[in-house]
Every structure is written in structure tokens, then in C-alpha cells.
Amino acid sequence: MKNTRITYTNDIPDRESYHRLFETTGWNTKYGASAEELHTSIQQSWHLVSAFDADHLVGFGRTISDGIMHALIVDMIVLPEYQGRGIGGRILTDLLERCREHNIRDIQLFCARGKAGFYRRFGFVVRPDDAPGMQFDSQPA
């Protein structure tokens, strides 16, 4: 799986590389997850894709799934300086292909703020306000 000099694998990246990549998103301000916790979480993935420039982790995405009915795509991350090179598209395409191979009936996605346009190009739509589904807030106002 190659895209110019970027190499794609389905291997779990090492703990520190993933932690550094995850920290670039700002998400960990809320989560407060340690490198160990993040590494454990990605080990539980149903499917994942890591993108490397030489040995430097530059992109990542993963799917959590029961393998039959539901899948949730999370942790789509591409280093800011590598965005716009097709890396995120390649990762997402791989994740979606795996879901289709298993005839997953419901594919959902956690989308970072301001990135909906990217995901629309791959067939995702914003859920309407009256659609089913909610999110638990462990720290309600």
C-alpha cells in the first residue's frame, strides 16, 4: 500500500509515535489519556491503518466494530503538514473497504470540527437533528 513515499500498514504503531500523533489534534485536552491508555485503546480496534513517511507516523485511522452490524470510524488523524496529500483519503478508503467486505450495515464516524466536507466526499452525511442517537456527557453542565 504506497502513495509516493508514504507507506500504509495495518500494523499498530508504537506507543510513543501514536501518542505524539494523537497530541497534535488537541483532543487529549479533554480526554487526558496517557500514552499507555491510548496504545491500549488502539489495540482493541477491529481494523486500523497507519501511514508512515519512512519510520515517522504521519497518519492513522481505526474502526471499532462488532464485525456484522455496526462500525464506528474514529481517530482519523493526519499531521497538519501532511494534510492535502491524499493520506486521509487513502486511510478512510481502506477502513470503508473493510466494512464493505464484511457487509457492515451501519457505518458511523466521529468527525473533527470543521472536517465534515472531507467526509462528505466519501458518502458521509451529517445526521439530522431528529435522527436517533445521542452521546453520553460524563461532565454535564
N, C-alpha and C. Protein backbone atom coordinates (compact mmCIF):
# COMPACT_ATOMS: atom_id res chain seq x y z
N MET A 1 0.84 -1.17 0.00
CA MET A 1 0.00 0.00 0.00
C MET A 1 0.89 1.24 0.00
N LYS A 2 1.14 1.84 -1.15
CA LYS A 2 2.02 3.00 -1.21
C LYS A 2 1.34 4.19 -1.88
N ASN A 3 1.71 5.36 -1.46
CA ASN A 3 1.29 6.63 -2.04
C ASN A 3 2.53 7.51 -2.04
N THR A 4 3.21 7.62 -3.17
CA THR A 4 4.52 8.26 -3.30
C THR A 4 5.45 7.68 -2.25
N ARG A 5 5.90 8.48 -1.29
CA ARG A 5 6.83 7.96 -0.29
C ARG A 5 6.12 7.52 0.98
N ILE A 6 4.81 7.67 1.04
CA ILE A 6 4.04 7.27 2.22
C ILE A 6 3.73 5.78 2.12
N THR A 7 3.97 5.07 3.22
CA THR A 7 3.68 3.64 3.29
C THR A 7 2.53 3.43 4.25
N TYR A 8 1.60 2.56 3.87
CA TYR A 8 0.42 2.27 4.68
C TYR A 8 0.51 0.85 5.19
N THR A 9 0.17 0.65 6.45
CA THR A 9 0.16 -0.70 7.03
C THR A 9 -1.08 -0.84 7.90
N ASN A 10 -1.38 -2.08 8.23
CA ASN A 10 -2.45 -2.36 9.18
C ASN A 10 -1.86 -2.74 10.54
N ASP A 11 -0.62 -2.31 10.75
CA ASP A 11 0.07 -2.59 12.00
C ASP A 11 -0.19 -1.49 13.03
N ILE A 12 -0.22 -1.90 14.28
CA ILE A 12 -0.38 -0.94 15.38
C ILE A 12 0.93 -0.18 15.54
N PRO A 13 0.86 1.16 15.50
CA PRO A 13 2.10 1.93 15.68
C PRO A 13 2.59 1.82 17.12
N ASP A 14 3.85 2.14 17.33
CA ASP A 14 4.37 2.06 18.70
C ASP A 14 3.73 3.14 19.57
N ARG A 15 3.78 2.90 20.84
CA ARG A 15 3.11 3.72 21.86
C ARG A 15 3.45 5.21 21.74
N GLU A 16 4.72 5.54 21.70
CA GLU A 16 5.12 6.95 21.69
C GLU A 16 4.78 7.64 20.38
N SER A 17 4.93 6.95 19.26
CA SER A 17 4.59 7.56 17.96
C SER A 17 3.11 7.91 17.90
N TYR A 18 2.28 6.97 18.36
CA TYR A 18 0.84 7.24 18.33
C TYR A 18 0.48 8.37 19.30
N HIS A 19 1.07 8.36 20.46
CA HIS A 19 0.80 9.42 21.44
C HIS A 19 1.16 10.78 20.86
N ARG A 20 2.31 10.90 20.22
CA ARG A 20 2.72 12.18 19.61
C ARG A 20 1.71 12.61 18.53
N LEU A 21 1.30 11.66 17.69
CA LEU A 21 0.33 11.98 16.64
C LEU A 21 -0.99 12.42 17.25
N PHE A 22 -1.49 11.68 18.22
CA PHE A 22 -2.76 11.99 18.87
C PHE A 22 -2.72 13.38 19.51
N GLU A 23 -1.61 13.73 20.11
CA GLU A 23 -1.47 15.03 20.77
C GLU A 23 -1.61 16.19 19.79
N THR A 24 -1.34 15.99 18.51
CA THR A 24 -1.44 17.07 17.54
C THR A 24 -2.87 17.51 17.30
N THR A 25 -3.85 16.70 17.70
CA THR A 25 -5.26 17.01 17.45
C THR A 25 -5.86 17.96 18.47
N GLY A 26 -5.30 18.01 19.66
CA GLY A 26 -5.90 18.78 20.74
C GLY A 26 -6.98 18.02 21.49
N TRP A 27 -7.34 16.83 21.02
CA TRP A 27 -8.40 16.05 21.66
C TRP A 27 -8.03 15.62 23.07
N ASN A 28 -6.75 15.44 23.31
CA ASN A 28 -6.33 14.92 24.60
C ASN A 28 -6.46 15.95 25.72
N THR A 29 -6.72 17.18 25.36
CA THR A 29 -7.01 18.19 26.38
C THR A 29 -8.24 17.76 27.17
N LYS A 30 -9.23 17.22 26.47
CA LYS A 30 -10.45 16.74 27.12
C LYS A 30 -10.26 15.33 27.70
N TYR A 31 -9.65 14.44 26.92
CA TYR A 31 -9.54 13.04 27.34
C TYR A 31 -8.51 12.83 28.44
N GLY A 32 -7.40 13.51 28.37
CA GLY A 32 -6.35 13.32 29.36
C GLY A 32 -5.81 11.91 29.40
N ALA A 33 -5.72 11.26 28.25
CA ALA A 33 -5.26 9.87 28.18
C ALA A 33 -3.74 9.80 28.13
N SER A 34 -3.19 8.85 28.84
CA SER A 34 -1.74 8.63 28.81
C SER A 34 -1.36 7.89 27.53
N ALA A 35 -0.08 7.87 27.24
CA ALA A 35 0.41 7.13 26.08
C ALA A 35 0.02 5.66 26.20
N GLU A 36 0.10 5.11 27.39
CA GLU A 36 -0.27 3.71 27.63
C GLU A 36 -1.76 3.47 27.36
N GLU A 37 -2.61 4.37 27.85
CA GLU A 37 -4.06 4.22 27.62
C GLU A 37 -4.39 4.32 26.13
N LEU A 38 -3.79 5.26 25.44
CA LEU A 38 -4.04 5.40 24.01
C LEU A 38 -3.59 4.15 23.26
N HIS A 39 -2.44 3.62 23.64
CA HIS A 39 -1.93 2.42 22.98
C HIS A 39 -2.86 1.23 23.22
N THR A 40 -3.33 1.09 24.45
CA THR A 40 -4.28 0.01 24.76
C THR A 40 -5.55 0.18 23.95
N SER A 41 -6.03 1.41 23.82
CA SER A 41 -7.27 1.63 23.07
C SER A 41 -7.14 1.23 21.61
N ILE A 42 -6.03 1.56 20.98
CA ILE A 42 -5.91 1.19 19.56
C ILE A 42 -5.69 -0.30 19.37
N GLN A 43 -5.17 -0.98 20.39
CA GLN A 43 -5.02 -2.44 20.31
C GLN A 43 -6.38 -3.13 20.26
N GLN A 44 -7.43 -2.46 20.72
CA GLN A 44 -8.77 -3.03 20.75
C GLN A 44 -9.53 -2.78 19.44
N SER A 45 -8.90 -2.17 18.47
CA SER A 45 -9.54 -1.83 17.21
C SER A 45 -9.91 -3.07 16.42
N TRP A 46 -10.98 -2.96 15.64
CA TRP A 46 -11.39 -4.02 14.73
C TRP A 46 -10.52 -3.98 13.47
N HIS A 47 -10.20 -2.77 13.04
CA HIS A 47 -9.34 -2.58 11.87
C HIS A 47 -8.66 -1.22 12.01
N LEU A 48 -7.43 -1.12 11.55
CA LEU A 48 -6.73 0.16 11.62
C LEU A 48 -5.78 0.30 10.46
N VAL A 49 -5.45 1.56 10.18
CA VAL A 49 -4.49 1.89 9.13
C VAL A 49 -3.53 2.93 9.69
N SER A 50 -2.24 2.65 9.53
CA SER A 50 -1.18 3.57 9.92
C SER A 50 -0.45 4.03 8.67
N ALA A 51 -0.16 5.32 8.59
CA ALA A 51 0.57 5.87 7.44
C ALA A 51 1.92 6.40 7.93
N PHE A 52 2.97 5.99 7.23
CA PHE A 52 4.33 6.36 7.63
C PHE A 52 5.06 7.07 6.49
N ASP A 53 5.82 8.06 6.86
CA ASP A 53 6.81 8.67 5.97
C ASP A 53 8.14 8.17 6.51
N ALA A 54 8.75 7.24 5.81
CA ALA A 54 9.90 6.48 6.33
C ALA A 54 9.43 5.80 7.62
N ASP A 55 10.04 6.10 8.76
CA ASP A 55 9.59 5.46 10.00
C ASP A 55 8.81 6.43 10.89
N HIS A 56 8.36 7.55 10.32
CA HIS A 56 7.64 8.59 11.06
C HIS A 56 6.13 8.45 10.83
N LEU A 57 5.36 8.20 11.90
CA LEU A 57 3.91 8.07 11.80
C LEU A 57 3.31 9.43 11.46
N VAL A 58 2.63 9.50 10.30
CA VAL A 58 2.06 10.77 9.84
C VAL A 58 0.55 10.73 9.72
N GLY A 59 -0.05 9.54 9.81
CA GLY A 59 -1.49 9.42 9.69
C GLY A 59 -1.98 8.14 10.32
N PHE A 60 -3.25 8.15 10.70
CA PHE A 60 -3.82 6.99 11.38
C PHE A 60 -5.34 7.08 11.32
N GLY A 61 -5.98 5.93 11.31
CA GLY A 61 -7.44 5.84 11.44
C GLY A 61 -7.79 4.44 11.87
N ARG A 62 -8.92 4.31 12.56
CA ARG A 62 -9.31 2.98 13.02
C ARG A 62 -10.81 2.83 13.06
N THR A 63 -11.23 1.57 13.07
CA THR A 63 -12.64 1.22 13.15
C THR A 63 -12.86 0.34 14.37
N ILE A 64 -13.92 0.65 15.09
CA ILE A 64 -14.40 -0.17 16.18
C ILE A 64 -15.68 -0.83 15.64
N SER A 65 -15.81 -2.14 15.79
CA SER A 65 -16.96 -2.80 15.18
C SER A 65 -17.27 -4.13 15.84
N ASP A 66 -18.53 -4.55 15.68
CA ASP A 66 -18.91 -5.91 16.07
C ASP A 66 -18.70 -6.87 14.90
N GLY A 67 -18.30 -6.34 13.75
CA GLY A 67 -17.98 -7.17 12.59
C GLY A 67 -19.18 -7.61 11.77
N ILE A 68 -20.38 -7.22 12.17
CA ILE A 68 -21.59 -7.65 11.46
C ILE A 68 -22.53 -6.48 11.19
N MET A 69 -22.96 -5.82 12.24
CA MET A 69 -23.99 -4.79 12.11
C MET A 69 -23.44 -3.36 12.14
N HIS A 70 -22.61 -3.05 13.12
CA HIS A 70 -22.23 -1.67 13.37
C HIS A 70 -20.71 -1.47 13.32
N ALA A 71 -20.33 -0.32 12.79
CA ALA A 71 -18.93 0.08 12.80
C ALA A 71 -18.87 1.57 13.07
N LEU A 72 -17.84 1.96 13.79
CA LEU A 72 -17.62 3.36 14.11
C LEU A 72 -16.18 3.70 13.76
N ILE A 73 -16.01 4.65 12.85
CA ILE A 73 -14.68 5.09 12.45
C ILE A 73 -14.27 6.23 13.38
N VAL A 74 -13.11 6.08 13.99
CA VAL A 74 -12.62 7.07 14.96
C VAL A 74 -11.14 7.32 14.74
N ASP A 75 -10.66 8.36 15.40
CA ASP A 75 -9.23 8.67 15.43
C ASP A 75 -8.61 8.83 14.04
N MET A 76 -9.35 9.47 13.14
CA MET A 76 -8.79 9.82 11.83
C MET A 76 -7.88 11.02 12.05
N ILE A 77 -6.57 10.79 11.90
CA ILE A 77 -5.59 11.84 12.18
C ILE A 77 -4.54 11.85 11.06
N VAL A 78 -4.27 13.02 10.54
CA VAL A 78 -3.14 13.23 9.63
C VAL A 78 -2.41 14.47 10.14
N LEU A 79 -1.11 14.35 10.31
CA LEU A 79 -0.34 15.51 10.75
C LEU A 79 -0.67 16.71 9.88
N PRO A 80 -0.84 17.87 10.47
CA PRO A 80 -1.22 19.06 9.68
C PRO A 80 -0.33 19.30 8.47
N GLU A 81 0.97 19.12 8.62
CA GLU A 81 1.87 19.38 7.50
C GLU A 81 1.77 18.33 6.39
N TYR A 82 1.05 17.24 6.63
CA TYR A 82 0.85 16.20 5.62
C TYR A 82 -0.56 16.21 5.05
N GLN A 83 -1.43 17.07 5.55
CA GLN A 83 -2.80 17.13 5.05
C GLN A 83 -2.81 17.68 3.63
N GLY A 84 -3.80 17.26 2.87
CA GLY A 84 -3.92 17.69 1.48
C GLY A 84 -3.13 16.86 0.51
N ARG A 85 -2.54 15.77 0.96
CA ARG A 85 -1.73 14.89 0.09
C ARG A 85 -2.43 13.57 -0.21
N GLY A 86 -3.68 13.42 0.20
CA GLY A 86 -4.42 12.18 -0.08
C GLY A 86 -4.26 11.11 0.98
N ILE A 87 -3.54 11.38 2.03
CA ILE A 87 -3.28 10.38 3.06
C ILE A 87 -4.57 10.03 3.81
N GLY A 88 -5.31 11.03 4.24
CA GLY A 88 -6.57 10.78 4.93
C GLY A 88 -7.55 10.02 4.06
N GLY A 89 -7.61 10.37 2.79
CA GLY A 89 -8.50 9.67 1.85
C GLY A 89 -8.13 8.22 1.70
N ARG A 90 -6.84 7.96 1.62
CA ARG A 90 -6.37 6.58 1.49
C ARG A 90 -6.71 5.77 2.74
N ILE A 91 -6.51 6.36 3.92
CA ILE A 91 -6.83 5.69 5.17
C ILE A 91 -8.33 5.40 5.24
N LEU A 92 -9.15 6.42 4.97
CA LEU A 92 -10.60 6.26 5.06
C LEU A 92 -11.10 5.23 4.05
N THR A 93 -10.57 5.24 2.84
CA THR A 93 -10.97 4.28 1.83
C THR A 93 -10.69 2.86 2.31
N ASP A 94 -9.54 2.63 2.90
CA ASP A 94 -9.20 1.31 3.43
C ASP A 94 -10.18 0.89 4.53
N LEU A 95 -10.49 1.81 5.44
CA LEU A 95 -11.42 1.49 6.53
C LEU A 95 -12.81 1.16 5.98
N LEU A 96 -13.27 1.93 5.01
CA LEU A 96 -14.58 1.68 4.41
C LEU A 96 -14.61 0.37 3.63
N GLU A 97 -13.53 0.07 2.91
CA GLU A 97 -13.47 -1.19 2.16
C GLU A 97 -13.59 -2.39 3.09
N ARG A 98 -12.93 -2.33 4.23
CA ARG A 98 -13.02 -3.43 5.20
C ARG A 98 -14.46 -3.60 5.69
N CYS A 99 -15.13 -2.48 5.95
CA CYS A 99 -16.54 -2.56 6.37
C CYS A 99 -17.41 -3.18 5.28
N ARG A 100 -17.19 -2.77 4.05
CA ARG A 100 -17.97 -3.31 2.93
C ARG A 100 -17.71 -4.79 2.72
N GLU A 101 -16.45 -5.21 2.88
CA GLU A 101 -16.11 -6.63 2.75
C GLU A 101 -16.89 -7.49 3.74
N HIS A 102 -17.20 -6.92 4.89
CA HIS A 102 -17.92 -7.65 5.94
C HIS A 102 -19.40 -7.30 5.97
N ASN A 103 -19.86 -6.58 4.95
CA ASN A 103 -21.26 -6.22 4.82
C ASN A 103 -21.81 -5.53 6.08
N ILE A 104 -21.00 -4.65 6.65
CA ILE A 104 -21.43 -3.89 7.81
C ILE A 104 -22.60 -3.02 7.38
N ARG A 105 -23.69 -3.07 8.11
CA ARG A 105 -24.91 -2.38 7.72
C ARG A 105 -24.97 -0.93 8.17
N ASP A 106 -24.28 -0.57 9.24
CA ASP A 106 -24.35 0.78 9.80
C ASP A 106 -22.92 1.26 10.07
N ILE A 107 -22.45 2.22 9.27
CA ILE A 107 -21.11 2.78 9.45
C ILE A 107 -21.27 4.22 9.91
N GLN A 108 -20.74 4.50 11.09
CA GLN A 108 -20.80 5.85 11.62
C GLN A 108 -19.38 6.38 11.79
N LEU A 109 -19.30 7.65 12.12
CA LEU A 109 -18.00 8.32 12.14
C LEU A 109 -17.99 9.42 13.17
N PHE A 110 -16.91 9.51 13.93
CA PHE A 110 -16.65 10.70 14.74
C PHE A 110 -15.85 11.62 13.84
N CYS A 111 -16.34 12.83 13.66
CA CYS A 111 -15.72 13.79 12.76
C CYS A 111 -15.24 15.00 13.54
N ALA A 112 -14.00 15.37 13.34
CA ALA A 112 -13.45 16.56 13.98
C ALA A 112 -14.16 17.80 13.46
N ARG A 113 -14.28 18.78 14.31
CA ARG A 113 -14.93 20.05 13.95
C ARG A 113 -14.27 20.63 12.69
N GLY A 114 -15.12 21.02 11.74
CA GLY A 114 -14.63 21.66 10.53
C GLY A 114 -14.19 20.70 9.43
N LYS A 115 -14.32 19.40 9.66
CA LYS A 115 -13.84 18.43 8.67
C LYS A 115 -14.96 17.70 7.93
N ALA A 116 -16.21 18.08 8.15
CA ALA A 116 -17.34 17.38 7.52
C ALA A 116 -17.23 17.35 6.00
N GLY A 117 -16.75 18.42 5.40
CA GLY A 117 -16.63 18.48 3.94
C GLY A 117 -15.75 17.36 3.39
N PHE A 118 -14.68 17.05 4.08
CA PHE A 118 -13.80 15.94 3.67
C PHE A 118 -14.59 14.63 3.64
N TYR A 119 -15.34 14.36 4.68
CA TYR A 119 -16.05 13.09 4.80
C TYR A 119 -17.24 13.00 3.85
N ARG A 120 -17.84 14.13 3.52
CA ARG A 120 -18.95 14.12 2.55
C ARG A 120 -18.49 13.57 1.21
N ARG A 121 -17.26 13.84 0.84
CA ARG A 121 -16.73 13.34 -0.45
C ARG A 121 -16.72 11.81 -0.50
N PHE A 122 -16.77 11.17 0.65
CA PHE A 122 -16.75 9.71 0.72
C PHE A 122 -18.12 9.12 1.00
N GLY A 123 -19.16 9.95 0.97
CA GLY A 123 -20.52 9.47 1.14
C GLY A 123 -21.12 9.66 2.52
N PHE A 124 -20.40 10.27 3.44
CA PHE A 124 -20.96 10.51 4.77
C PHE A 124 -21.87 11.73 4.73
N VAL A 125 -22.90 11.70 5.55
CA VAL A 125 -23.83 12.82 5.68
C VAL A 125 -23.94 13.19 7.15
N VAL A 126 -24.22 14.45 7.40
CA VAL A 126 -24.43 14.91 8.77
C VAL A 126 -25.79 14.37 9.23
N ARG A 127 -25.81 13.80 10.42
CA ARG A 127 -27.07 13.26 10.94
C ARG A 127 -28.03 14.41 11.23
N PRO A 128 -29.28 14.27 10.80
CA PRO A 128 -30.26 15.31 11.10
C PRO A 128 -30.54 15.39 12.60
N ASP A 129 -31.01 16.54 13.03
CA ASP A 129 -31.29 16.74 14.45
C ASP A 129 -32.29 15.72 15.00
N ASP A 130 -33.21 15.25 14.15
CA ASP A 130 -34.22 14.32 14.62
C ASP A 130 -33.81 12.85 14.43
N ALA A 131 -32.55 12.61 14.05
CA ALA A 131 -32.05 11.25 13.86
C ALA A 131 -31.82 10.59 15.23
N PRO A 132 -31.90 9.27 15.28
CA PRO A 132 -31.63 8.61 16.55
C PRO A 132 -30.14 8.74 16.91
N GLY A 133 -29.90 8.64 18.18
CA GLY A 133 -28.52 8.67 18.64
C GLY A 133 -28.25 9.84 19.55
N MET A 134 -27.48 9.56 20.54
CA MET A 134 -27.06 10.59 21.49
C MET A 134 -25.66 10.24 21.94
N GLN A 135 -25.07 11.13 22.68
CA GLN A 135 -23.74 10.91 23.24
C GLN A 135 -23.82 11.17 24.74
N PHE A 136 -23.20 10.29 25.53
CA PHE A 136 -23.18 10.45 26.97
C PHE A 136 -22.19 11.52 27.36
N ASP A 137 -22.60 12.43 28.22
CA ASP A 137 -21.74 13.50 28.71
C ASP A 137 -21.40 13.20 30.16
N SER A 138 -20.18 12.75 30.39
CA SER A 138 -19.78 12.37 31.74
C SER A 138 -19.55 13.58 32.63
N GLN A 139 -19.55 14.76 32.04
CA GLN A 139 -19.35 16.00 32.81
C GLN A 139 -20.43 17.01 32.43
N PRO A 140 -21.70 16.71 32.75
CA PRO A 140 -22.78 17.63 32.34
C PRO A 140 -22.65 18.99 33.02
N ALA A 141 -23.14 19.98 32.32
CA ALA A 141 -23.06 21.36 32.84
C ALA A 141 -24.01 21.57 34.00
